């Protein structure tokens, strides 16, 4: 079994859902560090995945550029023009995994709603809502929105040291999407 680099085993959850797929594609929105507490490092380094890393904080640029193969986009993921960017970078219509983890949680919800979910689908999604510190408003709104788009909430309120902070989804109802 692989060693997780994620905060709560998100990378292992993705691998389980996708039958340890090799060569998948991810979006890591709010990636921060290149390895530590990173939801996609294991996928890229040991399973030959590629993807796009996003963060608003320029402090991570050098580390991400040195330790990761996937391109890094420095910018505000809550206001990004994803359609143009995805076309420029030849992003597939069906993406294996998306990690959404911005601060505060209201920005995570804004980024989710900025995504062109009518044109692009995600087989597996982790959505950080930080309800332990911000209340459940973003979590509840995201759950309703994603359910309306055909996503199934498999694990609700994944705990961290502070309390419930994240929900884990799949597209449809099957384990393997």
N, C-alpha and C. Protein backbone atom coordinates (compact mmCIF):
# COMPACT_ATOMS: atom_id res chain seq x y z
N UNK A 1 0.84 -1.18 0.00
CA UNK A 1 0.00 0.00 0.00
C UNK A 1 0.88 1.24 0.00
N UNK A 2 0.45 2.25 -0.70
CA UNK A 2 1.19 3.50 -0.81
C UNK A 2 1.06 4.31 0.47
N UNK A 3 2.04 5.17 0.71
CA UNK A 3 2.02 6.09 1.83
C UNK A 3 1.33 7.37 1.40
N UNK A 4 0.38 7.80 2.19
CA UNK A 4 -0.37 9.01 1.88
C UNK A 4 0.45 10.25 2.18
N UNK A 5 0.33 11.24 1.29
CA UNK A 5 0.92 12.55 1.52
C UNK A 5 -0.16 13.57 1.90
N UNK A 6 -1.42 13.17 1.85
CA UNK A 6 -2.54 14.06 2.13
C UNK A 6 -2.76 14.24 3.63
N UNK A 7 -3.54 15.25 3.96
CA UNK A 7 -3.87 15.52 5.35
C UNK A 7 -4.75 14.42 5.96
N UNK A 8 -5.67 13.89 5.17
CA UNK A 8 -6.64 12.91 5.69
C UNK A 8 -6.78 11.69 4.78
N UNK A 9 -5.77 11.40 3.97
CA UNK A 9 -5.82 10.23 3.11
C UNK A 9 -6.62 10.42 1.83
N UNK A 10 -6.77 11.66 1.39
CA UNK A 10 -7.52 11.92 0.17
C UNK A 10 -6.92 11.18 -1.02
N UNK A 11 -5.59 11.16 -1.13
CA UNK A 11 -4.94 10.49 -2.25
C UNK A 11 -5.26 9.00 -2.27
N UNK A 12 -5.30 8.37 -1.10
CA UNK A 12 -5.63 6.94 -1.03
C UNK A 12 -7.09 6.69 -1.36
N UNK A 13 -7.97 7.61 -0.96
CA UNK A 13 -9.39 7.52 -1.33
C UNK A 13 -9.55 7.56 -2.84
N UNK A 14 -8.85 8.48 -3.49
CA UNK A 14 -8.92 8.59 -4.96
C UNK A 14 -8.45 7.29 -5.60
N UNK A 15 -7.33 6.77 -5.15
CA UNK A 15 -6.79 5.53 -5.73
C UNK A 15 -7.76 4.37 -5.52
N UNK A 16 -8.38 4.31 -4.36
CA UNK A 16 -9.36 3.25 -4.09
C UNK A 16 -10.55 3.36 -5.04
N UNK A 17 -11.06 4.57 -5.20
CA UNK A 17 -12.23 4.77 -6.06
C UNK A 17 -11.94 4.46 -7.52
N UNK A 18 -10.71 4.71 -7.95
CA UNK A 18 -10.35 4.54 -9.36
C UNK A 18 -9.48 3.30 -9.59
N UNK A 19 -9.55 2.35 -8.65
CA UNK A 19 -8.88 1.06 -8.80
C UNK A 19 -7.38 1.20 -9.07
N UNK A 20 -6.74 2.12 -8.35
CA UNK A 20 -5.30 2.37 -8.45
C UNK A 20 -4.87 2.70 -9.88
N UNK A 21 -5.66 3.50 -10.52
CA UNK A 21 -5.43 3.88 -11.91
C UNK A 21 -4.05 4.51 -12.12
N UNK A 22 -3.41 4.13 -13.18
CA UNK A 22 -2.16 4.74 -13.64
C UNK A 22 -2.50 5.80 -14.70
N UNK A 23 -1.74 6.87 -14.74
CA UNK A 23 -1.87 7.85 -15.81
C UNK A 23 -3.14 8.66 -15.80
N UNK A 24 -3.71 8.94 -14.65
CA UNK A 24 -4.91 9.75 -14.55
C UNK A 24 -4.61 11.24 -14.69
N UNK A 25 -5.67 12.04 -14.55
CA UNK A 25 -5.55 13.49 -14.67
C UNK A 25 -6.26 14.14 -13.49
N UNK A 26 -5.64 15.17 -12.90
CA UNK A 26 -6.19 15.85 -11.74
C UNK A 26 -6.15 17.37 -11.89
N UNK A 27 -6.97 18.02 -11.08
CA UNK A 27 -6.88 19.45 -10.80
C UNK A 27 -6.72 19.58 -9.30
N UNK A 28 -5.70 20.31 -8.88
CA UNK A 28 -5.44 20.51 -7.45
C UNK A 28 -5.58 22.00 -7.18
N UNK A 29 -6.78 22.40 -6.75
CA UNK A 29 -7.12 23.80 -6.56
C UNK A 29 -6.92 24.17 -5.09
N UNK A 30 -5.88 24.97 -4.85
CA UNK A 30 -5.45 25.29 -3.50
C UNK A 30 -4.41 24.29 -3.04
N UNK A 31 -3.48 23.99 -3.91
CA UNK A 31 -2.51 22.91 -3.67
C UNK A 31 -1.52 23.21 -2.56
N UNK A 32 -1.11 24.44 -2.40
CA UNK A 32 -0.12 24.85 -1.39
C UNK A 32 1.19 24.10 -1.57
N UNK A 33 1.61 23.34 -0.58
CA UNK A 33 2.91 22.67 -0.63
C UNK A 33 2.96 21.59 -1.70
N UNK A 34 4.14 21.36 -2.23
CA UNK A 34 4.34 20.39 -3.30
C UNK A 34 4.13 18.95 -2.84
N UNK A 35 4.53 18.63 -1.61
CA UNK A 35 4.44 17.26 -1.11
C UNK A 35 3.62 17.16 0.18
N UNK A 36 4.03 17.87 1.20
CA UNK A 36 3.41 17.77 2.52
C UNK A 36 1.95 18.21 2.48
N UNK A 37 1.08 17.38 3.03
CA UNK A 37 -0.36 17.68 3.03
C UNK A 37 -0.89 17.99 1.64
N UNK A 38 -0.35 17.34 0.64
CA UNK A 38 -0.78 17.58 -0.73
C UNK A 38 -1.57 16.37 -1.23
N UNK A 39 -2.73 16.64 -1.80
CA UNK A 39 -3.64 15.57 -2.22
C UNK A 39 -3.27 14.90 -3.53
N UNK A 40 -2.34 15.48 -4.29
CA UNK A 40 -2.04 14.91 -5.61
C UNK A 40 -0.59 14.47 -5.79
N UNK A 41 0.27 14.73 -4.83
CA UNK A 41 1.68 14.36 -4.99
C UNK A 41 1.85 12.86 -5.20
N UNK A 42 1.19 12.04 -4.42
CA UNK A 42 1.29 10.58 -4.57
C UNK A 42 0.83 10.16 -5.96
N UNK A 43 -0.26 10.73 -6.44
CA UNK A 43 -0.80 10.38 -7.75
C UNK A 43 0.22 10.68 -8.84
N UNK A 44 0.82 11.85 -8.77
CA UNK A 44 1.80 12.26 -9.78
C UNK A 44 3.10 11.47 -9.66
N UNK A 45 3.62 11.31 -8.45
CA UNK A 45 4.95 10.73 -8.27
C UNK A 45 4.99 9.21 -8.38
N UNK A 46 3.90 8.53 -8.03
CA UNK A 46 3.94 7.07 -8.02
C UNK A 46 2.95 6.40 -8.97
N UNK A 47 2.01 7.16 -9.52
CA UNK A 47 1.00 6.59 -10.40
C UNK A 47 0.97 7.25 -11.77
N UNK A 48 1.97 8.06 -12.05
CA UNK A 48 2.14 8.66 -13.37
C UNK A 48 0.96 9.54 -13.81
N UNK A 49 0.34 10.21 -12.85
CA UNK A 49 -0.74 11.14 -13.17
C UNK A 49 -0.14 12.48 -13.59
N UNK A 50 -0.92 13.24 -14.32
CA UNK A 50 -0.58 14.61 -14.64
C UNK A 50 -1.79 15.47 -14.28
N UNK A 51 -1.58 16.76 -14.29
CA UNK A 51 -2.69 17.64 -13.95
C UNK A 51 -2.27 19.08 -13.91
N UNK A 52 -3.04 19.86 -13.18
CA UNK A 52 -2.77 21.29 -13.04
C UNK A 52 -2.87 21.63 -11.56
N UNK A 53 -1.87 22.35 -11.08
CA UNK A 53 -1.80 22.81 -9.70
C UNK A 53 -2.16 24.29 -9.65
N UNK A 54 -3.03 24.68 -8.72
CA UNK A 54 -3.46 26.07 -8.58
C UNK A 54 -3.23 26.54 -7.16
N UNK A 55 -2.74 27.76 -7.01
CA UNK A 55 -2.71 28.40 -5.70
C UNK A 55 -2.57 29.91 -5.91
N UNK A 56 -3.06 30.65 -4.95
CA UNK A 56 -3.01 32.11 -5.02
C UNK A 56 -1.74 32.67 -4.35
N UNK A 57 -1.09 31.84 -3.54
CA UNK A 57 0.05 32.29 -2.75
C UNK A 57 1.36 32.06 -3.49
N UNK A 58 2.09 33.12 -3.84
CA UNK A 58 3.34 32.97 -4.60
C UNK A 58 4.47 32.29 -3.81
N UNK A 59 4.31 32.15 -2.50
CA UNK A 59 5.36 31.49 -1.70
C UNK A 59 5.58 30.03 -2.11
N UNK A 60 4.59 29.41 -2.74
CA UNK A 60 4.70 28.00 -3.12
C UNK A 60 5.29 27.80 -4.51
N UNK A 61 5.47 28.85 -5.27
CA UNK A 61 5.87 28.76 -6.67
C UNK A 61 7.18 28.00 -6.85
N UNK A 62 8.21 28.36 -6.11
CA UNK A 62 9.52 27.72 -6.30
C UNK A 62 9.47 26.23 -5.96
N UNK A 63 8.89 25.90 -4.82
CA UNK A 63 8.81 24.50 -4.40
C UNK A 63 8.02 23.67 -5.41
N UNK A 64 6.89 24.19 -5.86
CA UNK A 64 6.06 23.46 -6.83
C UNK A 64 6.81 23.31 -8.15
N UNK A 65 7.52 24.34 -8.57
CA UNK A 65 8.27 24.29 -9.82
C UNK A 65 9.42 23.31 -9.77
N UNK A 66 9.98 23.10 -8.59
CA UNK A 66 11.12 22.21 -8.41
C UNK A 66 10.70 20.76 -8.20
N UNK A 67 9.66 20.54 -7.40
CA UNK A 67 9.31 19.18 -6.97
C UNK A 67 8.16 18.54 -7.75
N UNK A 68 7.48 19.31 -8.58
CA UNK A 68 6.33 18.77 -9.31
C UNK A 68 6.52 18.89 -10.81
N UNK A 69 5.95 17.95 -11.54
CA UNK A 69 6.01 17.94 -13.00
C UNK A 69 4.86 18.72 -13.61
N UNK A 70 3.70 18.68 -12.97
CA UNK A 70 2.51 19.32 -13.51
C UNK A 70 2.64 20.84 -13.46
N UNK A 71 2.03 21.53 -14.41
CA UNK A 71 2.11 23.00 -14.42
C UNK A 71 1.41 23.61 -13.21
N UNK A 72 1.97 24.72 -12.77
CA UNK A 72 1.43 25.47 -11.64
C UNK A 72 0.86 26.79 -12.15
N UNK A 73 -0.38 27.06 -11.77
CA UNK A 73 -1.05 28.31 -12.12
C UNK A 73 -1.15 29.17 -10.86
N UNK A 74 -0.52 30.32 -10.87
CA UNK A 74 -0.61 31.27 -9.76
C UNK A 74 -1.76 32.22 -10.05
N UNK A 75 -2.77 32.17 -9.20
CA UNK A 75 -3.91 33.04 -9.41
C UNK A 75 -5.07 32.71 -8.49
N UNK A 76 -6.13 33.48 -8.61
CA UNK A 76 -7.32 33.33 -7.78
C UNK A 76 -8.25 32.30 -8.42
N UNK A 77 -8.30 31.12 -7.85
CA UNK A 77 -9.11 30.02 -8.40
C UNK A 77 -10.61 30.31 -8.32
N UNK A 78 -11.00 31.24 -7.47
CA UNK A 78 -12.42 31.57 -7.34
C UNK A 78 -12.92 32.46 -8.48
N UNK A 79 -12.00 33.08 -9.23
CA UNK A 79 -12.41 33.99 -10.31
C UNK A 79 -11.79 33.62 -11.66
N UNK A 80 -11.18 32.46 -11.74
CA UNK A 80 -10.46 32.05 -12.94
C UNK A 80 -11.40 31.76 -14.11
N UNK A 81 -10.95 32.03 -15.31
CA UNK A 81 -11.68 31.67 -16.53
C UNK A 81 -11.28 30.24 -16.90
N UNK A 82 -11.96 29.28 -16.31
CA UNK A 82 -11.61 27.88 -16.49
C UNK A 82 -11.81 27.38 -17.92
N UNK A 83 -12.84 27.84 -18.59
CA UNK A 83 -13.09 27.37 -19.96
C UNK A 83 -11.91 27.70 -20.86
N UNK A 84 -11.46 28.93 -20.83
CA UNK A 84 -10.32 29.32 -21.66
C UNK A 84 -9.06 28.56 -21.24
N UNK A 85 -8.80 28.50 -19.95
CA UNK A 85 -7.61 27.81 -19.45
C UNK A 85 -7.63 26.33 -19.83
N UNK A 86 -8.76 25.68 -19.64
CA UNK A 86 -8.85 24.25 -19.94
C UNK A 86 -8.65 23.98 -21.43
N UNK A 87 -9.16 24.87 -22.27
CA UNK A 87 -8.93 24.71 -23.71
C UNK A 87 -7.46 24.88 -24.05
N UNK A 88 -6.83 25.92 -23.48
CA UNK A 88 -5.41 26.18 -23.73
C UNK A 88 -4.52 25.01 -23.30
N UNK A 89 -4.89 24.35 -22.20
CA UNK A 89 -4.07 23.27 -21.65
C UNK A 89 -4.57 21.87 -22.03
N UNK A 90 -5.53 21.81 -22.94
CA UNK A 90 -6.08 20.53 -23.43
C UNK A 90 -6.54 19.62 -22.30
N UNK A 91 -7.30 20.17 -21.37
CA UNK A 91 -7.84 19.40 -20.26
C UNK A 91 -8.94 18.48 -20.79
N UNK A 92 -8.92 17.20 -20.39
CA UNK A 92 -9.96 16.28 -20.86
C UNK A 92 -11.34 16.65 -20.30
N UNK A 93 -12.39 16.27 -21.01
CA UNK A 93 -13.75 16.56 -20.57
C UNK A 93 -14.11 15.83 -19.28
N UNK A 94 -13.55 14.65 -19.10
CA UNK A 94 -13.76 13.88 -17.88
C UNK A 94 -12.42 13.81 -17.15
N UNK A 95 -12.39 14.42 -15.98
CA UNK A 95 -11.18 14.54 -15.17
C UNK A 95 -11.30 13.54 -14.03
N UNK A 96 -10.23 12.83 -13.76
CA UNK A 96 -10.29 11.78 -12.75
C UNK A 96 -10.51 12.32 -11.34
N UNK A 97 -9.83 13.39 -10.99
CA UNK A 97 -9.90 13.88 -9.60
C UNK A 97 -9.72 15.38 -9.55
N UNK A 98 -10.53 16.00 -8.68
CA UNK A 98 -10.36 17.40 -8.34
C UNK A 98 -10.32 17.55 -6.83
N UNK A 99 -9.31 18.27 -6.36
CA UNK A 99 -9.18 18.64 -4.97
C UNK A 99 -9.48 20.12 -4.85
N UNK A 100 -10.46 20.48 -4.05
CA UNK A 100 -10.84 21.87 -3.82
C UNK A 100 -10.55 22.22 -2.38
N UNK A 101 -9.60 23.13 -2.16
CA UNK A 101 -9.14 23.44 -0.80
C UNK A 101 -8.60 24.87 -0.76
N UNK A 102 -9.50 25.83 -0.62
CA UNK A 102 -9.11 27.23 -0.53
C UNK A 102 -9.48 27.77 0.84
N UNK A 103 -8.86 28.86 1.20
CA UNK A 103 -9.18 29.53 2.46
C UNK A 103 -9.63 30.95 2.16
N UNK A 104 -10.69 31.39 2.79
CA UNK A 104 -11.61 30.63 3.62
C UNK A 104 -12.51 29.72 2.79
N UNK A 105 -13.34 28.95 3.46
CA UNK A 105 -14.21 27.97 2.79
C UNK A 105 -15.15 28.64 1.78
N UNK A 106 -15.50 29.88 1.99
CA UNK A 106 -16.37 30.58 1.03
C UNK A 106 -15.69 30.67 -0.34
N UNK A 107 -14.35 30.76 -0.36
CA UNK A 107 -13.62 30.77 -1.63
C UNK A 107 -13.63 29.40 -2.30
N UNK A 108 -13.64 28.34 -1.50
CA UNK A 108 -13.74 26.99 -2.07
C UNK A 108 -15.07 26.85 -2.80
N UNK A 109 -16.13 27.33 -2.18
CA UNK A 109 -17.45 27.28 -2.80
C UNK A 109 -17.49 28.15 -4.07
N UNK A 110 -16.88 29.32 -4.03
CA UNK A 110 -16.83 30.18 -5.22
C UNK A 110 -16.07 29.50 -6.35
N UNK A 111 -14.97 28.85 -6.03
CA UNK A 111 -14.20 28.13 -7.06
C UNK A 111 -15.02 26.99 -7.64
N UNK A 112 -15.72 26.26 -6.80
CA UNK A 112 -16.58 25.18 -7.28
C UNK A 112 -17.61 25.71 -8.27
N UNK A 113 -18.23 26.81 -7.93
CA UNK A 113 -19.27 27.38 -8.80
C UNK A 113 -18.69 28.05 -10.04
N UNK A 114 -17.41 28.41 -10.01
CA UNK A 114 -16.76 28.99 -11.20
C UNK A 114 -16.38 27.91 -12.22
N UNK A 115 -16.30 26.67 -11.79
CA UNK A 115 -15.94 25.58 -12.70
C UNK A 115 -17.07 25.34 -13.71
N UNK A 116 -16.74 25.06 -14.96
CA UNK A 116 -17.76 24.79 -15.98
C UNK A 116 -18.25 23.34 -15.87
N UNK A 117 -19.04 23.06 -14.83
CA UNK A 117 -19.47 21.70 -14.57
C UNK A 117 -20.52 21.20 -15.57
N UNK A 118 -20.97 22.05 -16.46
CA UNK A 118 -21.83 21.61 -17.55
C UNK A 118 -21.01 21.03 -18.70
N UNK A 119 -19.72 21.34 -18.75
CA UNK A 119 -18.84 20.88 -19.82
C UNK A 119 -17.79 19.87 -19.34
N UNK A 120 -17.43 19.91 -18.08
CA UNK A 120 -16.38 19.05 -17.52
C UNK A 120 -16.95 18.29 -16.33
N UNK A 121 -16.58 17.03 -16.23
CA UNK A 121 -17.01 16.17 -15.12
C UNK A 121 -15.79 15.66 -14.37
N UNK A 122 -15.99 15.36 -13.10
CA UNK A 122 -14.93 14.87 -12.22
C UNK A 122 -15.37 13.54 -11.64
N UNK A 123 -14.57 12.51 -11.83
CA UNK A 123 -14.93 11.20 -11.30
C UNK A 123 -14.91 11.18 -9.78
N UNK A 124 -13.92 11.84 -9.19
CA UNK A 124 -13.77 11.90 -7.73
C UNK A 124 -13.47 13.35 -7.35
N UNK A 125 -14.07 13.78 -6.24
CA UNK A 125 -13.89 15.16 -5.79
C UNK A 125 -13.76 15.18 -4.27
N UNK A 126 -12.82 15.97 -3.78
CA UNK A 126 -12.77 16.27 -2.35
C UNK A 126 -12.97 17.78 -2.20
N UNK A 127 -13.86 18.14 -1.29
CA UNK A 127 -14.27 19.54 -1.11
C UNK A 127 -14.06 19.93 0.35
N UNK A 128 -13.08 20.82 0.60
CA UNK A 128 -12.80 21.25 1.97
C UNK A 128 -13.72 22.41 2.34
N UNK A 129 -14.53 22.19 3.39
CA UNK A 129 -15.50 23.20 3.82
C UNK A 129 -15.17 23.80 5.18
N UNK A 130 -14.26 23.19 5.92
CA UNK A 130 -13.84 23.71 7.23
C UNK A 130 -15.00 24.10 8.13
N UNK A 131 -16.02 23.25 8.19
CA UNK A 131 -17.19 23.58 9.01
C UNK A 131 -16.86 23.67 10.50
N UNK A 132 -15.76 23.07 10.92
CA UNK A 132 -15.35 23.18 12.33
C UNK A 132 -15.09 24.63 12.73
N UNK A 133 -14.71 25.47 11.76
CA UNK A 133 -14.40 26.86 12.11
C UNK A 133 -15.31 27.88 11.43
N UNK A 134 -15.92 27.51 10.34
CA UNK A 134 -16.73 28.46 9.57
C UNK A 134 -18.22 28.14 9.57
N UNK A 135 -18.63 27.10 10.25
CA UNK A 135 -20.02 26.69 10.22
C UNK A 135 -20.29 25.82 8.99
N UNK A 136 -21.53 25.39 8.84
CA UNK A 136 -21.87 24.42 7.81
C UNK A 136 -22.43 25.04 6.52
N UNK A 137 -22.52 26.34 6.44
CA UNK A 137 -23.18 26.99 5.29
C UNK A 137 -22.58 26.55 3.95
N UNK A 138 -21.26 26.62 3.80
CA UNK A 138 -20.63 26.24 2.53
C UNK A 138 -20.79 24.75 2.26
N UNK A 139 -20.67 23.94 3.29
CA UNK A 139 -20.82 22.49 3.11
C UNK A 139 -22.22 22.15 2.62
N UNK A 140 -23.22 22.72 3.24
CA UNK A 140 -24.61 22.44 2.86
C UNK A 140 -24.89 22.92 1.44
N UNK A 141 -24.44 24.11 1.12
CA UNK A 141 -24.67 24.65 -0.24
C UNK A 141 -23.95 23.80 -1.28
N UNK A 142 -22.73 23.40 -1.01
CA UNK A 142 -21.98 22.55 -1.95
C UNK A 142 -22.66 21.20 -2.11
N UNK A 143 -23.14 20.62 -1.03
CA UNK A 143 -23.82 19.31 -1.11
C UNK A 143 -25.05 19.38 -2.00
N UNK A 144 -25.84 20.41 -1.82
CA UNK A 144 -27.05 20.56 -2.64
C UNK A 144 -26.69 20.77 -4.11
N UNK A 145 -25.71 21.62 -4.35
CA UNK A 145 -25.29 21.93 -5.71
C UNK A 145 -24.73 20.68 -6.41
N UNK A 146 -23.85 19.98 -5.74
CA UNK A 146 -23.24 18.80 -6.35
C UNK A 146 -24.24 17.67 -6.54
N UNK A 147 -25.16 17.51 -5.61
CA UNK A 147 -26.22 16.49 -5.77
C UNK A 147 -27.05 16.80 -7.01
N UNK A 148 -27.34 18.07 -7.25
CA UNK A 148 -28.15 18.45 -8.42
C UNK A 148 -27.42 18.15 -9.74
N UNK A 149 -26.09 18.01 -9.66
CA UNK A 149 -25.28 17.73 -10.85
C UNK A 149 -24.93 16.25 -10.99
N UNK A 150 -25.46 15.41 -10.11
CA UNK A 150 -25.25 13.97 -10.22
C UNK A 150 -24.09 13.42 -9.42
N UNK A 151 -23.56 14.20 -8.48
CA UNK A 151 -22.47 13.71 -7.63
C UNK A 151 -23.05 13.08 -6.36
N UNK A 152 -22.40 12.03 -5.90
CA UNK A 152 -22.82 11.33 -4.69
C UNK A 152 -21.83 11.62 -3.57
N UNK A 153 -22.33 12.03 -2.44
CA UNK A 153 -21.52 12.28 -1.26
C UNK A 153 -21.25 10.93 -0.59
N UNK A 154 -20.01 10.45 -0.70
CA UNK A 154 -19.65 9.16 -0.10
C UNK A 154 -19.24 9.30 1.36
N UNK A 155 -18.49 10.34 1.67
CA UNK A 155 -18.00 10.55 3.03
C UNK A 155 -18.21 12.01 3.41
N UNK A 156 -19.03 12.21 4.43
CA UNK A 156 -19.40 13.55 4.89
C UNK A 156 -18.60 13.92 6.13
N UNK A 157 -18.16 15.16 6.19
CA UNK A 157 -17.50 15.70 7.38
C UNK A 157 -16.30 14.87 7.83
N UNK A 158 -15.40 14.62 6.90
CA UNK A 158 -14.14 13.96 7.25
C UNK A 158 -13.49 14.80 8.34
N UNK A 159 -13.01 14.16 9.42
CA UNK A 159 -12.44 14.95 10.52
C UNK A 159 -10.96 15.24 10.34
N UNK A 160 -10.55 16.36 10.88
CA UNK A 160 -9.13 16.67 11.07
C UNK A 160 -8.94 16.89 12.56
N UNK A 161 -7.80 17.35 12.98
CA UNK A 161 -7.53 17.55 14.40
C UNK A 161 -8.51 18.53 15.06
N UNK A 162 -9.09 19.42 14.25
CA UNK A 162 -9.97 20.46 14.79
C UNK A 162 -11.45 20.12 14.71
N UNK A 163 -11.80 19.13 13.88
CA UNK A 163 -13.20 18.76 13.71
C UNK A 163 -13.49 18.50 12.24
N UNK A 164 -14.78 18.45 11.87
CA UNK A 164 -15.15 18.14 10.49
C UNK A 164 -14.68 19.23 9.52
N UNK A 165 -14.01 18.78 8.42
CA UNK A 165 -13.45 19.79 7.52
C UNK A 165 -13.65 19.50 6.05
N UNK A 166 -14.11 18.31 5.66
CA UNK A 166 -14.13 18.00 4.23
C UNK A 166 -15.17 16.95 3.89
N UNK A 167 -15.68 17.01 2.65
CA UNK A 167 -16.59 16.01 2.09
C UNK A 167 -15.95 15.37 0.87
N UNK A 168 -16.24 14.07 0.65
CA UNK A 168 -15.68 13.32 -0.47
C UNK A 168 -16.80 12.81 -1.35
N UNK A 169 -16.68 13.05 -2.65
CA UNK A 169 -17.72 12.75 -3.64
C UNK A 169 -17.20 11.86 -4.76
N UNK A 170 -18.16 11.21 -5.41
CA UNK A 170 -17.91 10.55 -6.69
C UNK A 170 -19.01 10.99 -7.65
N UNK A 171 -18.73 10.86 -8.93
CA UNK A 171 -19.74 11.14 -9.95
C UNK A 171 -20.62 9.92 -10.10
N UNK A 172 -21.92 10.13 -10.02
CA UNK A 172 -22.85 9.00 -10.12
C UNK A 172 -22.94 8.25 -8.80
N UNK A 173 -23.32 6.98 -8.92
CA UNK A 173 -23.51 6.18 -7.72
C UNK A 173 -22.56 5.00 -7.61
N UNK A 174 -21.80 4.74 -8.64
CA UNK A 174 -20.90 3.60 -8.63
C UNK A 174 -19.58 3.94 -7.95
N UNK A 175 -18.93 2.91 -7.37
CA UNK A 175 -17.61 3.12 -6.77
C UNK A 175 -16.64 3.55 -7.85
N UNK A 176 -16.54 2.79 -8.91
CA UNK A 176 -15.64 3.13 -10.02
C UNK A 176 -16.43 3.91 -11.05
N UNK A 177 -16.07 5.14 -11.23
CA UNK A 177 -16.84 6.04 -12.11
C UNK A 177 -16.44 5.83 -13.56
